[in-house]
């Protein structure tokens, strides 16, 4: 599977990117069916409302996708490939799922505190992350845990650093310099690009899974 990116971040993962002005979406005042209750990684519950002033179709759709993922992961059958690789892919998918729920939780908590509407950035994050999770479950496992990578940038004279997304969120470790051609453990990585021409640095989330994983990073326009 080709490297996938999530430009809008993974919810709580991007304090720097999210520091700009919040984008918002309108709330549709129609029913989306039944309320959905999702569990976070710590066991806390997140209520996704199906009606009322906090109803949002995008949030409800993302929550339904999380429910579908949870059923699939619970009933998943044995997959071909190395056991270590399959287990690592499963954990990557679960991490992406948890990030999606965290984004929904944050969107609702902020809306309640401010008496505002749901932040579109967090909703986009939730949708992208649950799609990440679903894609990983469907992907063919690579032959080993470490795969070759060729990550480059359109920025001239750029230096590139990376950080495992799960570790970044937990503030474990730090940025590591990256050189095209090196092997990385399969996973989701946040890549930071510092252009050599004085332009602003930018970040992208990349799924490192294919062998090789190739990706050209470019700033959001």
N, C-alpha and C. Protein backbone atom coordinates (compact mmCIF):
# COMPACT_ATOMS: atom_id res chain seq x y z
N UNK A 1 0.86 -1.20 0.00
CA UNK A 1 0.00 0.00 0.00
C UNK A 1 0.88 1.23 0.00
N UNK A 2 0.53 2.24 -0.80
CA UNK A 2 1.30 3.48 -0.85
C UNK A 2 1.20 4.22 0.47
N UNK A 3 2.23 5.01 0.73
CA UNK A 3 2.19 5.84 1.94
C UNK A 3 0.98 6.75 1.89
N UNK A 4 0.29 6.89 2.99
CA UNK A 4 -0.88 7.76 3.09
C UNK A 4 -0.53 8.93 4.00
N UNK A 5 -1.14 10.05 3.78
CA UNK A 5 -0.85 11.20 4.62
C UNK A 5 -2.12 11.74 5.22
N UNK A 6 -1.94 12.40 6.34
CA UNK A 6 -3.08 13.07 6.97
C UNK A 6 -2.65 14.49 7.24
N UNK A 7 -2.97 15.40 6.32
CA UNK A 7 -2.46 16.75 6.41
C UNK A 7 -3.01 17.51 7.60
N UNK A 8 -4.21 17.16 8.00
CA UNK A 8 -4.83 17.95 9.06
C UNK A 8 -4.44 17.45 10.46
N UNK A 9 -3.58 16.46 10.53
CA UNK A 9 -3.09 16.03 11.83
C UNK A 9 -3.89 14.91 12.43
N UNK A 10 -3.55 14.52 13.63
CA UNK A 10 -4.28 13.46 14.29
C UNK A 10 -4.84 13.96 15.61
N UNK A 11 -5.58 15.02 15.50
CA UNK A 11 -6.29 15.53 16.67
C UNK A 11 -5.34 16.16 17.66
N UNK A 12 -5.18 15.49 18.79
CA UNK A 12 -4.33 16.00 19.85
C UNK A 12 -2.86 15.97 19.48
N UNK A 13 -2.52 15.39 18.31
CA UNK A 13 -1.12 15.19 17.94
C UNK A 13 -0.43 16.46 17.50
N UNK A 14 -1.19 17.49 17.08
CA UNK A 14 -0.56 18.63 16.44
C UNK A 14 -0.82 19.95 17.15
N UNK A 15 -0.25 20.17 18.31
CA UNK A 15 -0.47 21.45 18.99
C UNK A 15 0.07 22.63 18.20
N UNK A 16 1.14 22.43 17.42
CA UNK A 16 1.71 23.54 16.68
C UNK A 16 0.85 23.87 15.48
N UNK A 17 0.44 22.84 14.74
CA UNK A 17 -0.37 23.09 13.56
C UNK A 17 -1.72 23.65 13.96
N UNK A 18 -2.26 23.17 15.07
CA UNK A 18 -3.61 23.57 15.49
C UNK A 18 -3.63 24.94 16.15
N UNK A 19 -2.46 25.59 16.24
CA UNK A 19 -2.40 26.86 16.94
C UNK A 19 -3.05 28.00 16.17
N UNK A 20 -3.31 27.79 14.88
CA UNK A 20 -3.93 28.83 14.09
C UNK A 20 -5.40 28.98 14.39
N UNK A 21 -6.06 29.80 13.60
CA UNK A 21 -7.48 30.04 13.81
C UNK A 21 -8.26 28.76 13.59
N UNK A 22 -9.26 28.54 14.43
CA UNK A 22 -10.09 27.35 14.32
C UNK A 22 -11.07 27.51 13.17
N UNK A 23 -11.24 26.41 12.42
CA UNK A 23 -12.26 26.38 11.38
C UNK A 23 -13.49 25.71 11.97
N UNK A 24 -14.64 26.13 11.57
CA UNK A 24 -15.86 25.56 12.11
C UNK A 24 -16.78 25.13 11.00
N UNK A 25 -17.70 24.23 11.34
CA UNK A 25 -18.68 23.77 10.38
C UNK A 25 -20.06 23.98 10.98
N UNK A 26 -21.04 24.11 10.11
CA UNK A 26 -22.41 24.31 10.57
C UNK A 26 -22.97 23.03 11.12
N UNK A 27 -23.86 23.16 12.09
CA UNK A 27 -24.51 22.00 12.69
C UNK A 27 -25.86 21.81 12.02
N UNK A 28 -26.06 20.60 11.52
CA UNK A 28 -27.36 20.29 10.93
C UNK A 28 -28.32 19.90 12.05
N UNK A 29 -29.47 20.50 12.06
CA UNK A 29 -30.43 20.24 13.12
C UNK A 29 -31.39 19.12 12.71
N UNK A 30 -30.84 17.99 12.34
CA UNK A 30 -31.66 16.84 11.98
C UNK A 30 -31.12 15.62 12.69
N UNK A 31 -31.95 14.61 12.80
CA UNK A 31 -31.56 13.42 13.52
C UNK A 31 -30.62 12.56 12.69
N UNK A 32 -29.63 11.96 13.36
CA UNK A 32 -28.71 11.06 12.69
C UNK A 32 -28.93 9.62 13.10
N UNK A 33 -30.04 9.32 13.74
CA UNK A 33 -30.31 7.96 14.20
C UNK A 33 -30.18 7.89 15.71
N UNK A 34 -29.43 6.91 16.20
CA UNK A 34 -29.25 6.73 17.63
C UNK A 34 -27.96 7.38 18.12
N UNK A 35 -27.96 7.81 19.37
CA UNK A 35 -26.73 8.28 19.98
C UNK A 35 -25.70 7.14 19.95
N UNK A 36 -24.43 7.51 19.83
CA UNK A 36 -23.35 6.53 19.80
C UNK A 36 -22.40 6.81 20.95
N UNK A 37 -22.07 5.79 21.72
CA UNK A 37 -21.11 5.93 22.81
C UNK A 37 -19.84 5.17 22.45
N UNK A 38 -18.74 5.90 22.42
CA UNK A 38 -17.45 5.31 22.09
C UNK A 38 -16.55 5.31 23.32
N UNK A 39 -15.64 4.35 23.37
CA UNK A 39 -14.69 4.29 24.48
C UNK A 39 -13.32 4.77 24.03
N UNK A 40 -12.70 5.60 24.88
CA UNK A 40 -11.34 6.04 24.64
C UNK A 40 -10.38 4.96 25.11
N UNK A 41 -9.10 5.18 24.84
CA UNK A 41 -8.09 4.19 25.24
C UNK A 41 -8.05 3.98 26.74
N UNK A 42 -8.38 5.04 27.51
CA UNK A 42 -8.36 4.94 28.97
C UNK A 42 -9.68 4.44 29.55
N UNK A 43 -10.63 4.09 28.69
CA UNK A 43 -11.91 3.58 29.15
C UNK A 43 -12.99 4.62 29.30
N UNK A 44 -12.61 5.91 29.23
CA UNK A 44 -13.60 6.97 29.33
C UNK A 44 -14.54 6.92 28.14
N UNK A 45 -15.78 7.35 28.35
CA UNK A 45 -16.78 7.28 27.29
C UNK A 45 -17.00 8.64 26.63
N UNK A 46 -17.26 8.58 25.34
CA UNK A 46 -17.54 9.79 24.56
C UNK A 46 -18.91 9.61 23.91
N UNK A 47 -19.83 10.52 24.21
CA UNK A 47 -21.18 10.44 23.65
C UNK A 47 -21.27 11.29 22.39
N UNK A 48 -21.64 10.63 21.30
CA UNK A 48 -21.85 11.32 20.03
C UNK A 48 -23.36 11.44 19.83
N UNK A 49 -23.86 12.64 19.93
CA UNK A 49 -25.29 12.86 19.93
C UNK A 49 -25.88 12.73 18.52
N UNK A 50 -27.09 12.16 18.48
CA UNK A 50 -27.78 11.96 17.20
C UNK A 50 -28.83 13.02 16.93
N UNK A 51 -29.02 13.94 17.88
CA UNK A 51 -29.98 15.01 17.69
C UNK A 51 -29.65 16.14 18.65
N UNK A 52 -30.35 17.25 18.51
CA UNK A 52 -30.12 18.38 19.41
C UNK A 52 -29.09 19.35 18.89
N UNK A 53 -28.74 20.34 19.69
CA UNK A 53 -27.84 21.41 19.25
C UNK A 53 -26.41 20.96 18.97
N UNK A 54 -26.00 19.81 19.51
CA UNK A 54 -24.64 19.33 19.28
C UNK A 54 -24.58 18.27 18.17
N UNK A 55 -25.70 18.02 17.50
CA UNK A 55 -25.66 17.03 16.43
C UNK A 55 -24.87 17.56 15.25
N UNK A 56 -24.00 16.69 14.70
CA UNK A 56 -23.22 17.03 13.52
C UNK A 56 -23.07 15.76 12.69
N UNK A 57 -23.48 15.83 11.44
CA UNK A 57 -23.48 14.63 10.60
C UNK A 57 -22.08 14.06 10.41
N UNK A 58 -21.08 14.92 10.25
CA UNK A 58 -19.70 14.44 10.07
C UNK A 58 -19.22 13.69 11.30
N UNK A 59 -19.53 14.22 12.48
CA UNK A 59 -19.13 13.56 13.73
C UNK A 59 -19.84 12.22 13.87
N UNK A 60 -21.12 12.21 13.54
CA UNK A 60 -21.90 10.98 13.68
C UNK A 60 -21.41 9.92 12.70
N UNK A 61 -21.07 10.33 11.48
CA UNK A 61 -20.57 9.38 10.49
C UNK A 61 -19.22 8.81 10.93
N UNK A 62 -18.34 9.66 11.45
CA UNK A 62 -17.05 9.17 11.95
C UNK A 62 -17.25 8.19 13.09
N UNK A 63 -18.21 8.47 13.96
CA UNK A 63 -18.49 7.57 15.08
C UNK A 63 -19.01 6.23 14.59
N UNK A 64 -19.84 6.24 13.56
CA UNK A 64 -20.32 4.98 12.99
C UNK A 64 -19.16 4.17 12.41
N UNK A 65 -18.22 4.88 11.78
CA UNK A 65 -17.05 4.18 11.23
C UNK A 65 -16.20 3.57 12.34
N UNK A 66 -16.11 4.27 13.47
CA UNK A 66 -15.37 3.71 14.62
C UNK A 66 -16.07 2.45 15.12
N UNK A 67 -17.40 2.48 15.20
CA UNK A 67 -18.14 1.30 15.63
C UNK A 67 -17.88 0.13 14.68
N UNK A 68 -17.88 0.40 13.39
CA UNK A 68 -17.61 -0.65 12.40
C UNK A 68 -16.21 -1.22 12.59
N UNK A 69 -15.24 -0.33 12.79
CA UNK A 69 -13.86 -0.78 13.02
C UNK A 69 -13.78 -1.65 14.26
N UNK A 70 -14.44 -1.23 15.34
CA UNK A 70 -14.38 -1.99 16.58
C UNK A 70 -14.93 -3.41 16.39
N UNK A 71 -15.99 -3.54 15.60
CA UNK A 71 -16.54 -4.87 15.33
C UNK A 71 -15.56 -5.70 14.50
N UNK A 72 -14.93 -5.05 13.52
CA UNK A 72 -13.99 -5.77 12.66
C UNK A 72 -12.77 -6.24 13.44
N UNK A 73 -12.25 -5.38 14.31
CA UNK A 73 -11.06 -5.75 15.07
C UNK A 73 -11.38 -6.85 16.07
N UNK A 74 -12.60 -6.84 16.59
CA UNK A 74 -13.01 -7.85 17.56
C UNK A 74 -13.19 -9.20 16.89
N UNK A 75 -13.70 -9.21 15.67
CA UNK A 75 -14.00 -10.45 14.97
C UNK A 75 -12.99 -10.79 13.89
N UNK A 76 -11.83 -10.13 13.92
CA UNK A 76 -10.83 -10.35 12.88
C UNK A 76 -10.29 -11.77 12.92
N UNK A 77 -10.04 -12.31 11.75
CA UNK A 77 -9.50 -13.65 11.63
C UNK A 77 -7.98 -13.59 11.48
N UNK A 78 -7.37 -14.73 11.57
CA UNK A 78 -5.92 -14.80 11.45
C UNK A 78 -5.51 -14.36 10.06
N UNK A 79 -4.51 -13.47 10.01
CA UNK A 79 -4.05 -12.93 8.74
C UNK A 79 -2.75 -13.61 8.33
N UNK A 80 -2.51 -13.69 7.02
CA UNK A 80 -1.23 -14.26 6.56
C UNK A 80 -0.09 -13.31 6.88
N UNK A 81 1.10 -13.86 6.94
CA UNK A 81 2.27 -13.04 7.20
C UNK A 81 2.88 -13.30 8.57
N UNK A 82 4.00 -12.65 8.82
CA UNK A 82 4.70 -12.79 10.09
C UNK A 82 3.81 -12.35 11.24
N UNK A 83 3.83 -13.13 12.31
CA UNK A 83 3.00 -12.80 13.47
C UNK A 83 3.37 -11.45 14.05
N UNK A 84 4.67 -11.15 14.13
CA UNK A 84 5.11 -9.87 14.67
C UNK A 84 4.62 -8.70 13.82
N UNK A 85 4.67 -8.88 12.51
CA UNK A 85 4.23 -7.82 11.60
C UNK A 85 2.72 -7.60 11.72
N UNK A 86 1.97 -8.70 11.73
CA UNK A 86 0.51 -8.61 11.82
C UNK A 86 0.10 -7.93 13.13
N UNK A 87 0.75 -8.29 14.23
CA UNK A 87 0.42 -7.69 15.52
C UNK A 87 0.77 -6.20 15.54
N UNK A 88 1.90 -5.85 14.91
CA UNK A 88 2.30 -4.44 14.85
C UNK A 88 1.29 -3.64 14.04
N UNK A 89 0.84 -4.20 12.93
CA UNK A 89 -0.16 -3.52 12.10
C UNK A 89 -1.47 -3.34 12.87
N UNK A 90 -1.84 -4.34 13.61
CA UNK A 90 -3.07 -4.26 14.41
C UNK A 90 -2.97 -3.12 15.42
N UNK A 91 -1.81 -3.00 16.07
CA UNK A 91 -1.63 -1.94 17.06
C UNK A 91 -1.63 -0.56 16.40
N UNK A 92 -1.01 -0.45 15.22
CA UNK A 92 -1.01 0.82 14.50
C UNK A 92 -2.44 1.24 14.19
N UNK A 93 -3.25 0.27 13.75
CA UNK A 93 -4.66 0.56 13.43
C UNK A 93 -5.42 0.99 14.67
N UNK A 94 -5.19 0.33 15.79
CA UNK A 94 -5.88 0.68 17.04
C UNK A 94 -5.45 2.07 17.50
N UNK A 95 -4.18 2.40 17.36
CA UNK A 95 -3.71 3.73 17.74
C UNK A 95 -4.42 4.81 16.90
N UNK A 96 -4.56 4.54 15.60
CA UNK A 96 -5.25 5.50 14.74
C UNK A 96 -6.71 5.62 15.14
N UNK A 97 -7.33 4.50 15.47
CA UNK A 97 -8.72 4.51 15.94
C UNK A 97 -8.86 5.35 17.20
N UNK A 98 -7.94 5.16 18.14
CA UNK A 98 -7.99 5.91 19.40
C UNK A 98 -7.79 7.41 19.17
N UNK A 99 -6.93 7.76 18.21
CA UNK A 99 -6.74 9.17 17.88
C UNK A 99 -8.02 9.77 17.31
N UNK A 100 -8.75 8.98 16.53
CA UNK A 100 -10.02 9.46 15.98
C UNK A 100 -11.01 9.77 17.09
N UNK A 101 -11.10 8.89 18.08
CA UNK A 101 -12.02 9.10 19.20
C UNK A 101 -11.57 10.30 20.03
N UNK A 102 -10.27 10.45 20.22
CA UNK A 102 -9.76 11.60 20.97
C UNK A 102 -10.13 12.91 20.28
N UNK A 103 -10.08 12.91 18.95
CA UNK A 103 -10.45 14.12 18.21
C UNK A 103 -11.93 14.45 18.37
N UNK A 104 -12.78 13.43 18.32
CA UNK A 104 -14.20 13.65 18.54
C UNK A 104 -14.46 14.16 19.95
N UNK A 105 -13.80 13.56 20.91
CA UNK A 105 -13.95 13.97 22.30
C UNK A 105 -13.56 15.44 22.48
N UNK A 106 -12.43 15.82 21.91
CA UNK A 106 -11.96 17.20 22.03
C UNK A 106 -12.93 18.17 21.37
N UNK A 107 -13.44 17.79 20.20
CA UNK A 107 -14.38 18.66 19.50
C UNK A 107 -15.62 18.93 20.34
N UNK A 108 -16.15 17.89 20.99
CA UNK A 108 -17.35 18.06 21.81
C UNK A 108 -17.05 18.83 23.09
N UNK A 109 -15.91 18.54 23.73
CA UNK A 109 -15.59 19.23 24.98
C UNK A 109 -15.40 20.73 24.76
N UNK A 110 -14.70 21.08 23.69
CA UNK A 110 -14.48 22.51 23.40
C UNK A 110 -15.80 23.19 23.06
N UNK A 111 -16.64 22.52 22.28
CA UNK A 111 -17.94 23.10 21.92
C UNK A 111 -18.80 23.34 23.15
N UNK A 112 -18.76 22.41 24.10
CA UNK A 112 -19.55 22.56 25.33
C UNK A 112 -19.01 23.68 26.20
N UNK A 113 -17.70 23.81 26.27
CA UNK A 113 -17.09 24.83 27.11
C UNK A 113 -17.30 26.23 26.55
N UNK A 114 -17.36 26.33 25.23
CA UNK A 114 -17.47 27.64 24.59
C UNK A 114 -18.89 27.95 24.12
N UNK A 115 -19.80 26.97 24.28
CA UNK A 115 -21.17 27.10 23.76
C UNK A 115 -21.14 27.37 22.26
N UNK A 116 -20.12 26.81 21.62
CA UNK A 116 -19.98 27.00 20.18
C UNK A 116 -20.34 25.74 19.41
N UNK A 117 -19.84 25.66 18.18
CA UNK A 117 -20.09 24.50 17.35
C UNK A 117 -18.82 23.68 17.21
N UNK A 118 -18.95 22.49 16.64
CA UNK A 118 -17.82 21.57 16.58
C UNK A 118 -16.74 22.05 15.61
N UNK A 119 -15.51 21.93 16.03
CA UNK A 119 -14.36 22.38 15.25
C UNK A 119 -14.14 21.45 14.06
N UNK A 120 -14.16 21.99 12.84
CA UNK A 120 -14.02 21.17 11.64
C UNK A 120 -12.65 20.50 11.57
N UNK A 121 -11.62 21.13 12.15
CA UNK A 121 -10.28 20.54 12.12
C UNK A 121 -10.25 19.21 12.88
N UNK A 122 -10.90 19.19 14.03
CA UNK A 122 -10.95 17.95 14.81
C UNK A 122 -11.83 16.89 14.13
N UNK A 123 -12.90 17.34 13.49
CA UNK A 123 -13.76 16.39 12.77
C UNK A 123 -13.02 15.79 11.58
N UNK A 124 -12.26 16.61 10.86
CA UNK A 124 -11.45 16.09 9.75
C UNK A 124 -10.41 15.10 10.27
N UNK A 125 -9.82 15.43 11.41
CA UNK A 125 -8.84 14.54 12.03
C UNK A 125 -9.46 13.18 12.35
N UNK A 126 -10.65 13.21 12.92
CA UNK A 126 -11.34 11.96 13.27
C UNK A 126 -11.61 11.13 12.03
N UNK A 127 -12.10 11.76 10.98
CA UNK A 127 -12.42 11.02 9.75
C UNK A 127 -11.17 10.43 9.12
N UNK A 128 -10.10 11.21 9.05
CA UNK A 128 -8.87 10.72 8.44
C UNK A 128 -8.25 9.59 9.25
N UNK A 129 -8.29 9.69 10.56
CA UNK A 129 -7.68 8.66 11.39
C UNK A 129 -8.44 7.34 11.35
N UNK A 130 -9.77 7.40 11.34
CA UNK A 130 -10.50 6.14 11.28
C UNK A 130 -10.34 5.52 9.90
N UNK A 131 -10.16 6.35 8.86
CA UNK A 131 -9.87 5.80 7.54
C UNK A 131 -8.49 5.16 7.52
N UNK A 132 -7.51 5.79 8.18
CA UNK A 132 -6.19 5.20 8.37
C UNK A 132 -6.33 3.81 8.96
N UNK A 133 -7.08 3.72 10.04
CA UNK A 133 -7.24 2.46 10.77
C UNK A 133 -7.84 1.37 9.88
N UNK A 134 -8.88 1.73 9.13
CA UNK A 134 -9.53 0.76 8.24
C UNK A 134 -8.60 0.31 7.12
N UNK A 135 -7.85 1.25 6.56
CA UNK A 135 -6.92 0.92 5.48
C UNK A 135 -5.83 -0.03 5.95
N UNK A 136 -5.35 0.19 7.17
CA UNK A 136 -4.29 -0.67 7.70
C UNK A 136 -4.77 -2.10 7.86
N UNK A 137 -6.02 -2.27 8.32
CA UNK A 137 -6.56 -3.62 8.49
C UNK A 137 -6.66 -4.35 7.16
N UNK A 138 -6.87 -3.60 6.08
CA UNK A 138 -7.05 -4.22 4.76
C UNK A 138 -5.73 -4.41 4.02
N UNK A 139 -4.67 -3.78 4.51
CA UNK A 139 -3.39 -3.80 3.80
C UNK A 139 -2.70 -5.14 3.90
N UNK A 140 -1.91 -5.45 2.88
CA UNK A 140 -1.09 -6.67 2.90
C UNK A 140 0.13 -6.43 3.78
N UNK A 141 0.44 -7.35 4.68
CA UNK A 141 1.59 -7.16 5.57
C UNK A 141 2.90 -7.19 4.79
N UNK A 142 3.84 -6.32 5.14
CA UNK A 142 5.18 -6.39 4.53
C UNK A 142 5.89 -7.63 5.08
N UNK A 143 6.99 -8.04 4.45
CA UNK A 143 7.67 -9.26 4.90
C UNK A 143 8.34 -9.14 6.26
N UNK A 144 8.65 -7.92 6.69
CA UNK A 144 9.33 -7.76 7.97
C UNK A 144 8.93 -6.45 8.62
N UNK A 145 9.34 -6.28 9.88
CA UNK A 145 8.94 -5.10 10.65
C UNK A 145 9.59 -3.82 10.15
N UNK A 146 10.79 -3.91 9.61
CA UNK A 146 11.49 -2.73 9.11
C UNK A 146 11.43 -2.71 7.59
N UNK A 147 11.04 -1.56 7.06
CA UNK A 147 10.91 -1.43 5.61
C UNK A 147 11.77 -0.27 5.12
N UNK A 148 12.15 -0.36 3.88
CA UNK A 148 12.93 0.72 3.27
C UNK A 148 12.04 1.92 3.01
N UNK A 149 12.59 3.10 3.14
CA UNK A 149 11.81 4.31 2.92
C UNK A 149 12.56 5.27 2.01
N UNK A 150 11.79 6.05 1.29
CA UNK A 150 12.35 7.10 0.45
C UNK A 150 11.43 8.31 0.59
N UNK A 151 11.65 9.05 1.65
CA UNK A 151 10.85 10.23 1.95
C UNK A 151 11.64 11.47 1.54
N UNK A 152 11.05 12.26 0.66
CA UNK A 152 11.73 13.47 0.19
C UNK A 152 10.78 14.66 0.31
N UNK A 153 11.24 15.81 -0.16
CA UNK A 153 10.41 17.01 -0.06
C UNK A 153 10.57 17.86 -1.31
N UNK A 154 9.50 18.59 -1.62
CA UNK A 154 9.56 19.54 -2.73
C UNK A 154 10.31 20.81 -2.34
N UNK A 155 10.52 21.01 -1.03
CA UNK A 155 11.22 22.20 -0.55
C UNK A 155 12.71 22.11 -0.88
N UNK A 156 13.27 23.18 -1.36
CA UNK A 156 14.68 23.19 -1.73
C UNK A 156 15.59 23.19 -0.50
N UNK A 157 16.62 22.35 -0.55
CA UNK A 157 17.61 22.31 0.53
C UNK A 157 17.03 21.96 1.88
N UNK A 158 15.97 21.18 1.90
CA UNK A 158 15.26 20.89 3.15
C UNK A 158 15.98 19.84 3.99
N UNK A 159 15.82 19.98 5.30
CA UNK A 159 16.23 18.92 6.22
C UNK A 159 14.95 18.30 6.79
N UNK A 160 14.99 16.98 6.96
CA UNK A 160 13.79 16.26 7.38
C UNK A 160 14.05 15.51 8.68
N UNK A 161 13.10 15.63 9.60
CA UNK A 161 13.14 14.88 10.85
C UNK A 161 11.84 14.09 10.98
N UNK A 162 11.87 13.03 11.77
CA UNK A 162 10.66 12.24 11.96
C UNK A 162 10.52 11.82 13.42
N UNK A 163 9.30 11.45 13.78
CA UNK A 163 8.98 11.02 15.14
C UNK A 163 7.80 10.07 15.04
N UNK A 164 7.91 8.91 15.64
CA UNK A 164 6.80 7.98 15.66
C UNK A 164 5.57 8.68 16.24
N UNK A 165 4.44 8.59 15.54
CA UNK A 165 3.25 9.36 15.92
C UNK A 165 2.75 9.01 17.32
N UNK A 166 2.74 7.73 17.64
CA UNK A 166 2.27 7.32 18.97
C UNK A 166 3.18 7.88 20.06
N UNK A 167 4.50 7.85 19.82
CA UNK A 167 5.44 8.39 20.80
C UNK A 167 5.33 9.91 20.89
N UNK A 168 5.11 10.56 19.74
CA UNK A 168 4.95 12.02 19.74
C UNK A 168 3.78 12.42 20.63
N UNK A 169 2.68 11.71 20.49
CA UNK A 169 1.50 12.04 21.28
C UNK A 169 1.75 11.87 22.77
N UNK A 170 2.55 10.85 23.13
CA UNK A 170 2.86 10.59 24.54
C UNK A 170 4.07 11.39 25.02
N UNK A 171 4.67 12.16 24.11
CA UNK A 171 5.88 12.93 24.43
C UNK A 171 7.02 12.02 24.87
N UNK A 172 7.15 10.91 24.17
CA UNK A 172 8.23 9.96 24.42
C UNK A 172 9.26 10.10 23.30
N UNK A 173 10.51 10.35 23.67
CA UNK A 173 11.54 10.51 22.66
C UNK A 173 11.62 11.93 22.14
N UNK A 174 12.14 12.07 20.92
CA UNK A 174 12.30 13.39 20.32
C UNK A 174 12.41 13.23 18.81
N UNK A 175 12.56 14.34 18.11
CA UNK A 175 12.72 14.29 16.66
C UNK A 175 14.05 13.61 16.31
N UNK A 176 14.01 12.79 15.28
CA UNK A 176 15.23 12.13 14.78
C UNK A 176 15.48 12.58 13.35
N UNK A 177 16.74 12.84 13.04
CA UNK A 177 17.05 13.24 11.67
C UNK A 177 16.77 12.07 10.73
N UNK A 178 16.29 12.39 9.55
CA UNK A 178 15.94 11.35 8.59
C UNK A 178 16.76 11.52 7.32
N UNK A 179 17.21 10.37 6.79
CA UNK A 179 17.93 10.34 5.53
C UNK A 179 17.21 9.41 4.58
N UNK A 180 16.95 9.88 3.38
CA UNK A 180 16.26 9.06 2.39
C UNK A 180 17.01 7.74 2.18
N UNK A 181 16.29 6.64 2.18
CA UNK A 181 16.89 5.33 1.98
C UNK A 181 17.00 4.50 3.25
N UNK A 182 16.83 5.15 4.41
CA UNK A 182 16.96 4.38 5.64
C UNK A 182 15.72 3.53 5.91
N UNK A 183 15.91 2.48 6.69
CA UNK A 183 14.81 1.59 7.05
C UNK A 183 14.17 2.06 8.35
N UNK A 184 12.83 2.01 8.39
CA UNK A 184 12.09 2.39 9.58
C UNK A 184 11.14 1.26 9.98
N UNK A 185 10.89 1.18 11.27
CA UNK A 185 9.88 0.24 11.78
C UNK A 185 8.52 0.67 11.23
N UNK A 186 7.71 -0.28 10.82
CA UNK A 186 6.40 0.08 10.28
C UNK A 186 5.61 0.88 11.33
N UNK A 187 4.83 1.83 10.87
CA UNK A 187 4.07 2.65 11.79
C UNK A 187 3.65 3.96 11.14
N UNK A 188 3.02 4.80 11.93
CA UNK A 188 2.66 6.16 11.50
C UNK A 188 3.75 7.10 12.02
N UNK A 189 4.26 7.93 11.14
CA UNK A 189 5.33 8.86 11.52
C UNK A 189 4.93 10.28 11.17
N UNK A 190 5.26 11.18 12.08
CA UNK A 190 5.13 12.59 11.81
C UNK A 190 6.47 13.07 11.26
N UNK A 191 6.46 13.58 10.04
CA UNK A 191 7.67 14.11 9.42
C UNK A 191 7.63 15.63 9.46
N UNK A 192 8.75 16.22 9.87
CA UNK A 192 8.87 17.67 9.92
C UNK A 192 9.91 18.12 8.90
N UNK A 193 9.52 19.04 8.04
CA UNK A 193 10.40 19.51 6.98
C UNK A 193 10.79 20.97 7.25
N UNK A 194 12.09 21.20 7.28
CA UNK A 194 12.61 22.56 7.44
C UNK A 194 13.21 22.99 6.10
N UNK A 195 12.50 23.82 5.33
CA UNK A 195 13.04 24.25 4.03
C UNK A 195 14.35 25.01 4.20
N UNK A 196 15.22 24.87 3.20
CA UNK A 196 16.50 25.56 3.26
C UNK A 196 16.46 26.97 2.73
N UNK A 197 15.29 27.40 2.24
CA UNK A 197 15.18 28.73 1.65
C UNK A 197 14.55 29.75 2.59
N UNK A 198 14.41 29.37 3.88
CA UNK A 198 13.86 30.31 4.85
C UNK A 198 12.36 30.27 5.00
N UNK A 199 11.68 29.46 4.21
CA UNK A 199 10.23 29.33 4.35
C UNK A 199 9.86 28.60 5.63
N UNK A 200 8.58 28.70 6.01
CA UNK A 200 8.12 28.10 7.25
C UNK A 200 8.22 26.57 7.20
N UNK A 201 8.61 25.94 8.32
CA UNK A 201 8.62 24.47 8.37
C UNK A 201 7.19 23.93 8.32
N UNK A 202 7.04 22.70 7.91
CA UNK A 202 5.71 22.08 7.87
C UNK A 202 5.84 20.60 8.25
N UNK A 203 4.69 20.01 8.54
CA UNK A 203 4.65 18.63 9.01
C UNK A 203 3.63 17.82 8.23
N UNK A 204 3.89 16.55 8.09
CA UNK A 204 2.93 15.63 7.48
C UNK A 204 2.97 14.30 8.21
N UNK A 205 1.82 13.66 8.29
CA UNK A 205 1.72 12.34 8.88
C UNK A 205 1.76 11.31 7.75
N UNK A 206 2.66 10.34 7.87
CA UNK A 206 2.86 9.36 6.81
C UNK A 206 2.79 7.95 7.39
N UNK A 207 2.10 7.08 6.68
CA UNK A 207 2.04 5.68 7.06
C UNK A 207 3.21 4.95 6.41
N UNK A 208 4.11 4.43 7.22
CA UNK A 208 5.25 3.66 6.73
C UNK A 208 4.88 2.19 6.84
N UNK A 209 4.57 1.57 5.72
CA UNK A 209 4.11 0.18 5.73
C UNK A 209 4.60 -0.60 4.52
N UNK A 210 4.53 0.02 3.34
CA UNK A 210 4.98 -0.66 2.13
C UNK A 210 6.50 -0.80 2.14
N UNK A 211 6.99 -1.79 1.43
CA UNK A 211 8.44 -1.97 1.29
C UNK A 211 8.77 -1.96 -0.21
N UNK A 212 9.24 -0.81 -0.72
CA UNK A 212 9.59 0.41 0.02
C UNK A 212 8.39 1.35 0.19
N UNK A 213 8.51 2.26 1.16
CA UNK A 213 7.55 3.34 1.32
C UNK A 213 8.15 4.60 0.71
N UNK A 214 7.47 5.15 -0.29
CA UNK A 214 7.96 6.34 -0.96
C UNK A 214 6.95 7.48 -0.81
N UNK A 215 7.43 8.65 -0.51
CA UNK A 215 6.52 9.79 -0.30
C UNK A 215 7.29 11.09 -0.52
N UNK A 216 6.66 12.02 -1.23
CA UNK A 216 7.21 13.35 -1.41
C UNK A 216 6.39 14.33 -0.58
N UNK A 217 7.02 14.98 0.37
CA UNK A 217 6.34 15.89 1.27
C UNK A 217 6.30 17.29 0.68
N UNK A 218 5.15 17.94 0.82
CA UNK A 218 5.02 19.31 0.33
C UNK A 218 4.12 20.09 1.27
N UNK A 219 4.31 21.39 1.36
CA UNK A 219 3.49 22.21 2.27
C UNK A 219 2.05 22.29 1.80
N UNK A 220 1.14 22.48 2.74
CA UNK A 220 -0.28 22.65 2.40
C UNK A 220 -0.46 24.03 1.80
N UNK A 221 -1.14 24.07 0.68
CA UNK A 221 -1.39 25.36 0.02
C UNK A 221 -2.80 25.82 0.30
